[in-house]
């Protein structure tokens, strides 16, 4: 069952460099009243580029998973990693960062 976020909610926005792009990705995180993360927005790259669309769509899917109760740790373990265990995508980097902050 989806747990919708309140209409007015706390959020934070920050920039995060990733993938050698000239401009950083802008990340916005929305929170439930109890402090749990409930949504994520990612904007990065030039508008209209495929990398920007993939990041944006990935954030939508991540938000839907969180609103349906999937823990960040479960999501983190399922994402693509390199041989050293590092996240390979902007979504993976953000999820790992949030997982570390919430442990």
N, C-alpha and C. Protein backbone atom coordinates (compact mmCIF):
# COMPACT_ATOMS: atom_id res chain seq x y z
N UNK A 1 0.83 -1.17 0.00
CA UNK A 1 0.00 0.00 0.00
C UNK A 1 0.88 1.25 0.00
N UNK A 2 0.59 2.17 -0.85
CA UNK A 2 1.38 3.41 -0.94
C UNK A 2 1.03 4.35 0.21
N UNK A 3 2.06 4.89 0.85
CA UNK A 3 1.88 5.88 1.90
C UNK A 3 2.21 7.25 1.32
N UNK A 4 1.18 8.04 0.98
CA UNK A 4 1.45 9.34 0.38
C UNK A 4 2.11 10.29 1.38
N UNK A 5 2.88 11.21 0.84
CA UNK A 5 3.52 12.22 1.67
C UNK A 5 2.51 13.32 1.99
N UNK A 6 2.74 14.04 3.11
CA UNK A 6 1.86 15.18 3.40
C UNK A 6 2.02 16.25 2.32
N UNK A 7 0.98 17.06 2.12
CA UNK A 7 1.05 18.10 1.10
C UNK A 7 2.16 19.10 1.40
N UNK A 8 2.33 19.44 2.66
CA UNK A 8 3.44 20.30 3.07
C UNK A 8 4.43 19.43 3.82
N UNK A 9 5.68 19.45 3.37
CA UNK A 9 6.68 18.56 3.97
C UNK A 9 8.05 19.20 3.93
N UNK A 10 8.89 18.76 4.84
CA UNK A 10 10.27 19.23 4.88
C UNK A 10 11.02 18.64 3.70
N UNK A 11 11.92 19.44 3.15
CA UNK A 11 12.76 18.94 2.07
C UNK A 11 14.13 19.61 2.17
N UNK A 12 15.08 19.02 1.51
CA UNK A 12 16.40 19.63 1.40
C UNK A 12 16.92 19.42 -0.02
N UNK A 13 17.66 20.40 -0.50
CA UNK A 13 18.20 20.37 -1.85
C UNK A 13 19.69 20.64 -1.79
N UNK A 14 20.45 19.88 -2.57
CA UNK A 14 21.90 20.07 -2.62
C UNK A 14 22.41 19.63 -3.98
N UNK A 15 23.61 20.06 -4.31
CA UNK A 15 24.26 19.66 -5.56
C UNK A 15 25.24 18.54 -5.29
N UNK A 16 25.35 17.63 -6.26
CA UNK A 16 26.24 16.48 -6.13
C UNK A 16 26.92 16.23 -7.47
N UNK A 17 28.25 16.40 -7.54
CA UNK A 17 28.94 16.09 -8.79
C UNK A 17 28.92 14.58 -9.05
N UNK A 18 28.79 14.21 -10.32
CA UNK A 18 28.81 12.79 -10.67
C UNK A 18 29.09 12.64 -12.15
N UNK A 19 29.84 11.63 -12.50
CA UNK A 19 30.03 11.22 -13.88
C UNK A 19 30.86 12.15 -14.73
N UNK A 20 31.60 13.05 -14.12
CA UNK A 20 32.46 13.93 -14.89
C UNK A 20 31.72 14.99 -15.68
N UNK A 21 30.44 15.19 -15.39
CA UNK A 21 29.69 16.23 -16.09
C UNK A 21 30.14 17.60 -15.61
N UNK A 22 30.04 18.59 -16.47
CA UNK A 22 30.45 19.95 -16.11
C UNK A 22 29.60 20.50 -14.97
N UNK A 23 28.32 20.23 -15.00
CA UNK A 23 27.41 20.72 -13.98
C UNK A 23 27.05 19.59 -13.02
N UNK A 24 26.93 19.89 -11.72
CA UNK A 24 26.53 18.84 -10.78
C UNK A 24 25.05 18.50 -10.93
N UNK A 25 24.67 17.36 -10.40
CA UNK A 25 23.25 16.99 -10.32
C UNK A 25 22.67 17.73 -9.12
N UNK A 26 21.43 18.17 -9.24
CA UNK A 26 20.73 18.77 -8.11
C UNK A 26 19.78 17.73 -7.55
N UNK A 27 19.93 17.48 -6.26
CA UNK A 27 19.16 16.45 -5.57
C UNK A 27 18.21 17.14 -4.59
N UNK A 28 16.95 16.75 -4.61
CA UNK A 28 15.99 17.22 -3.62
C UNK A 28 15.37 16.00 -2.95
N UNK A 29 15.35 16.02 -1.62
CA UNK A 29 14.81 14.92 -0.83
C UNK A 29 13.62 15.45 -0.05
N UNK A 30 12.49 14.74 -0.13
CA UNK A 30 11.30 15.09 0.64
C UNK A 30 11.11 14.08 1.76
N UNK A 31 10.64 14.58 2.91
CA UNK A 31 10.54 13.75 4.11
C UNK A 31 9.10 13.65 4.61
N UNK A 32 8.79 12.49 5.20
CA UNK A 32 7.56 12.34 5.97
C UNK A 32 7.72 13.13 7.26
N UNK A 33 6.61 13.36 7.95
CA UNK A 33 6.66 14.11 9.21
C UNK A 33 7.54 13.45 10.26
N UNK A 34 7.67 12.13 10.21
CA UNK A 34 8.50 11.41 11.20
C UNK A 34 9.98 11.35 10.81
N UNK A 35 10.36 12.01 9.71
CA UNK A 35 11.76 12.07 9.30
C UNK A 35 12.18 11.05 8.27
N UNK A 36 11.32 10.10 7.94
CA UNK A 36 11.65 9.13 6.90
C UNK A 36 11.68 9.80 5.54
N UNK A 37 12.55 9.30 4.67
CA UNK A 37 12.62 9.81 3.30
C UNK A 37 11.46 9.22 2.50
N UNK A 38 10.76 10.09 1.77
CA UNK A 38 9.61 9.63 1.01
C UNK A 38 9.66 9.94 -0.47
N UNK A 39 10.56 10.84 -0.86
CA UNK A 39 10.66 11.15 -2.28
C UNK A 39 12.04 11.71 -2.59
N UNK A 40 12.39 11.59 -3.86
CA UNK A 40 13.69 12.04 -4.33
C UNK A 40 13.52 12.59 -5.74
N UNK A 41 14.14 13.73 -5.98
CA UNK A 41 14.18 14.31 -7.32
C UNK A 41 15.64 14.47 -7.70
N UNK A 42 15.98 14.13 -8.94
CA UNK A 42 17.34 14.31 -9.45
C UNK A 42 17.26 15.05 -10.77
N UNK A 43 17.96 16.17 -10.84
CA UNK A 43 18.10 16.92 -12.09
C UNK A 43 19.58 17.04 -12.37
N UNK A 44 19.98 16.71 -13.57
CA UNK A 44 21.39 16.79 -13.90
C UNK A 44 21.63 16.64 -15.38
N UNK A 45 22.73 17.17 -15.83
CA UNK A 45 22.99 17.17 -17.26
C UNK A 45 22.16 18.25 -17.91
N UNK A 46 22.26 18.34 -19.17
CA UNK A 46 21.48 19.34 -19.91
C UNK A 46 20.06 18.84 -20.10
N UNK A 47 19.11 19.76 -19.99
CA UNK A 47 17.72 19.41 -20.19
C UNK A 47 17.55 18.79 -21.58
N UNK A 48 16.84 17.69 -21.62
CA UNK A 48 16.60 17.01 -22.89
C UNK A 48 17.60 15.91 -23.19
N UNK A 49 18.71 15.85 -22.46
CA UNK A 49 19.68 14.78 -22.67
C UNK A 49 19.19 13.49 -22.01
N UNK A 50 19.63 12.38 -22.56
CA UNK A 50 19.20 11.07 -22.06
C UNK A 50 19.63 10.86 -20.61
N UNK A 51 20.83 11.32 -20.22
CA UNK A 51 21.31 11.13 -18.85
C UNK A 51 20.39 11.84 -17.86
N UNK A 52 19.87 12.99 -18.24
CA UNK A 52 18.97 13.73 -17.37
C UNK A 52 17.65 13.00 -17.23
N UNK A 53 17.14 12.46 -18.32
CA UNK A 53 15.88 11.72 -18.29
C UNK A 53 16.01 10.44 -17.46
N UNK A 54 17.12 9.73 -17.60
CA UNK A 54 17.34 8.50 -16.83
C UNK A 54 17.41 8.81 -15.34
N UNK A 55 18.14 9.86 -14.98
CA UNK A 55 18.25 10.25 -13.57
C UNK A 55 16.88 10.62 -13.01
N UNK A 56 16.13 11.39 -13.76
CA UNK A 56 14.80 11.83 -13.30
C UNK A 56 13.86 10.64 -13.14
N UNK A 57 13.83 9.75 -14.14
CA UNK A 57 12.96 8.57 -14.06
C UNK A 57 13.38 7.63 -12.93
N UNK A 58 14.67 7.48 -12.73
CA UNK A 58 15.17 6.63 -11.64
C UNK A 58 14.73 7.16 -10.29
N UNK A 59 14.73 8.48 -10.14
CA UNK A 59 14.29 9.09 -8.89
C UNK A 59 12.80 8.85 -8.65
N UNK A 60 12.01 8.87 -9.72
CA UNK A 60 10.57 8.58 -9.60
C UNK A 60 10.37 7.15 -9.10
N UNK A 61 11.09 6.21 -9.70
CA UNK A 61 10.96 4.80 -9.30
C UNK A 61 11.42 4.61 -7.86
N UNK A 62 12.52 5.25 -7.48
CA UNK A 62 13.01 5.18 -6.11
C UNK A 62 11.96 5.75 -5.15
N UNK A 63 11.38 6.88 -5.49
CA UNK A 63 10.35 7.49 -4.64
C UNK A 63 9.15 6.54 -4.46
N UNK A 64 8.73 5.91 -5.55
CA UNK A 64 7.61 4.97 -5.47
C UNK A 64 7.94 3.79 -4.56
N UNK A 65 9.16 3.28 -4.67
CA UNK A 65 9.58 2.17 -3.81
C UNK A 65 9.55 2.58 -2.34
N UNK A 66 10.08 3.76 -2.04
CA UNK A 66 10.09 4.24 -0.65
C UNK A 66 8.67 4.43 -0.12
N UNK A 67 7.78 4.96 -0.95
CA UNK A 67 6.40 5.19 -0.52
C UNK A 67 5.62 3.89 -0.35
N UNK A 68 6.15 2.81 -0.92
CA UNK A 68 5.53 1.50 -0.74
C UNK A 68 6.25 0.67 0.33
N UNK A 69 7.15 1.32 1.07
CA UNK A 69 7.77 0.68 2.23
C UNK A 69 9.05 -0.09 1.99
N UNK A 70 9.66 0.02 0.82
CA UNK A 70 10.93 -0.68 0.59
C UNK A 70 12.04 0.08 1.32
N UNK A 71 12.79 -0.60 2.20
CA UNK A 71 13.85 0.08 2.94
C UNK A 71 15.01 0.51 2.03
N UNK A 72 15.63 1.65 2.37
CA UNK A 72 16.80 2.14 1.62
C UNK A 72 17.90 1.09 1.54
N UNK A 73 18.12 0.33 2.62
CA UNK A 73 19.17 -0.68 2.63
C UNK A 73 18.91 -1.76 1.58
N UNK A 74 17.65 -2.13 1.41
CA UNK A 74 17.29 -3.14 0.40
C UNK A 74 17.54 -2.60 -1.00
N UNK A 75 17.17 -1.35 -1.22
CA UNK A 75 17.40 -0.72 -2.52
C UNK A 75 18.89 -0.63 -2.79
N UNK A 76 19.65 -0.22 -1.79
CA UNK A 76 21.11 -0.06 -1.94
C UNK A 76 21.77 -1.36 -2.38
N UNK A 77 21.36 -2.46 -1.79
CA UNK A 77 21.96 -3.76 -2.11
C UNK A 77 21.61 -4.22 -3.53
N UNK A 78 20.53 -3.71 -4.09
CA UNK A 78 20.06 -4.16 -5.40
C UNK A 78 20.66 -3.37 -6.57
N UNK A 79 21.33 -2.25 -6.29
CA UNK A 79 21.82 -1.38 -7.36
C UNK A 79 23.16 -1.84 -7.93
N UNK A 80 23.46 -1.39 -9.13
CA UNK A 80 24.67 -1.78 -9.85
C UNK A 80 25.91 -1.24 -9.15
N UNK A 81 26.93 -2.12 -9.01
CA UNK A 81 28.17 -1.79 -8.32
C UNK A 81 29.37 -2.19 -9.19
N UNK A 82 30.50 -1.52 -8.93
CA UNK A 82 31.74 -1.92 -9.61
C UNK A 82 32.43 -3.01 -8.79
N UNK A 83 33.62 -3.42 -9.20
CA UNK A 83 34.36 -4.48 -8.52
C UNK A 83 34.73 -4.17 -7.08
N UNK A 84 34.78 -2.87 -6.74
CA UNK A 84 35.10 -2.47 -5.37
C UNK A 84 33.84 -2.21 -4.53
N UNK A 85 32.68 -2.43 -5.12
CA UNK A 85 31.43 -2.25 -4.39
C UNK A 85 30.87 -0.84 -4.44
N UNK A 86 31.46 0.03 -5.27
CA UNK A 86 30.99 1.40 -5.38
C UNK A 86 29.80 1.49 -6.34
N UNK A 87 28.85 2.36 -6.01
CA UNK A 87 27.69 2.57 -6.87
C UNK A 87 28.13 3.10 -8.23
N UNK A 88 27.47 2.66 -9.28
CA UNK A 88 27.82 3.03 -10.64
C UNK A 88 26.92 4.11 -11.24
N UNK A 89 25.84 4.46 -10.55
CA UNK A 89 24.90 5.45 -11.08
C UNK A 89 24.69 6.56 -10.06
N UNK A 90 24.15 7.68 -10.53
CA UNK A 90 23.85 8.79 -9.62
C UNK A 90 22.83 8.35 -8.57
N UNK A 91 21.86 7.54 -8.95
CA UNK A 91 20.87 7.06 -7.99
C UNK A 91 21.55 6.21 -6.92
N UNK A 92 22.47 5.34 -7.34
CA UNK A 92 23.20 4.52 -6.38
C UNK A 92 24.02 5.35 -5.42
N UNK A 93 24.68 6.39 -5.91
CA UNK A 93 25.47 7.27 -5.06
C UNK A 93 24.58 7.96 -4.03
N UNK A 94 23.43 8.46 -4.47
CA UNK A 94 22.51 9.14 -3.56
C UNK A 94 21.95 8.15 -2.53
N UNK A 95 21.53 6.97 -2.97
CA UNK A 95 21.00 5.96 -2.04
C UNK A 95 22.06 5.58 -1.01
N UNK A 96 23.30 5.36 -1.44
CA UNK A 96 24.36 5.01 -0.49
C UNK A 96 24.58 6.14 0.51
N UNK A 97 24.58 7.37 0.04
CA UNK A 97 24.76 8.52 0.93
C UNK A 97 23.63 8.57 1.96
N UNK A 98 22.40 8.38 1.52
CA UNK A 98 21.25 8.43 2.42
C UNK A 98 21.25 7.25 3.38
N UNK A 99 21.67 6.08 2.91
CA UNK A 99 21.74 4.91 3.75
C UNK A 99 22.73 5.13 4.89
N UNK A 100 23.89 5.70 4.57
CA UNK A 100 24.90 5.97 5.61
C UNK A 100 24.40 6.99 6.61
N UNK A 101 23.68 8.02 6.15
CA UNK A 101 23.15 9.06 7.04
C UNK A 101 22.05 8.52 7.94
N UNK A 102 21.35 7.49 7.52
CA UNK A 102 20.20 6.98 8.28
C UNK A 102 20.51 5.69 9.03
N UNK A 103 21.77 5.39 9.25
CA UNK A 103 22.10 4.18 10.02
C UNK A 103 22.60 4.54 11.39
